[in-house]
Amino acid sequence: MLLGVEPEPAPKASERSKVWQRVVPESAHRNEPEEAQAYAKPDGVYVDIQWLGGRRYNDVAAELELQLGPLHERKVLDARSGEELVFERGDVRVVRGVVYMLRVQLPEPLTRTEALLVTGFTIYADHWRETHREYRLSNSFDFERFRLMRHSEDKDRVVSIEAWKLSPDRVRR
């Protein structure tokens, strides 16, 4: 205690609940989701992998079709991996109703930075692992793994990006 300074009295129980109500939305008390904000794909983004990854398939099915084109095929994988949906411009894997992996064919060969930008991510990424066919990035942007497939003629450019929000074993029911 400082000399000459009185400690502030603790709020009464009725006052604490009023403060709590202002800080925490009413829906949090009832365990209900808040109203979803309308989604708008950012300008310059080809397919917004960052936004789509990890969401419930039923919630984003229409947006997937808008961004990836029409659904061509549905493949049932093993029980652990769920199913793969093949769209015109890419593939999506879903297990227990959650989009856990997206693979997108880029419209043209791009640098790694450009590929991240057109799929909704920021340009900053480090710790790239380079193989003779791809670039790999782990645990970045809240995704577990990225694979960027190299262009055969220009090794500094990539033609597709595969992003794993999480492994299928980690998807909860």
Foldseek 3Di string as FASTA:
>chain_A
DDPPDDDDDDDDPVVVVVVVCVVDPPCVVVVHDDDDDDDDDDPLAQAQCLVQAFDFCVVCVVVCCVRQNDWDDKAADDLLFGIWTDGNFWIFTDHPRGTFKIKGFDPDWDAPQSQQVNRNHHSDADDWDDDPFWIKGADPSQFGIKTFGADPVDRRTGGMMMTGNDRSVPDDD
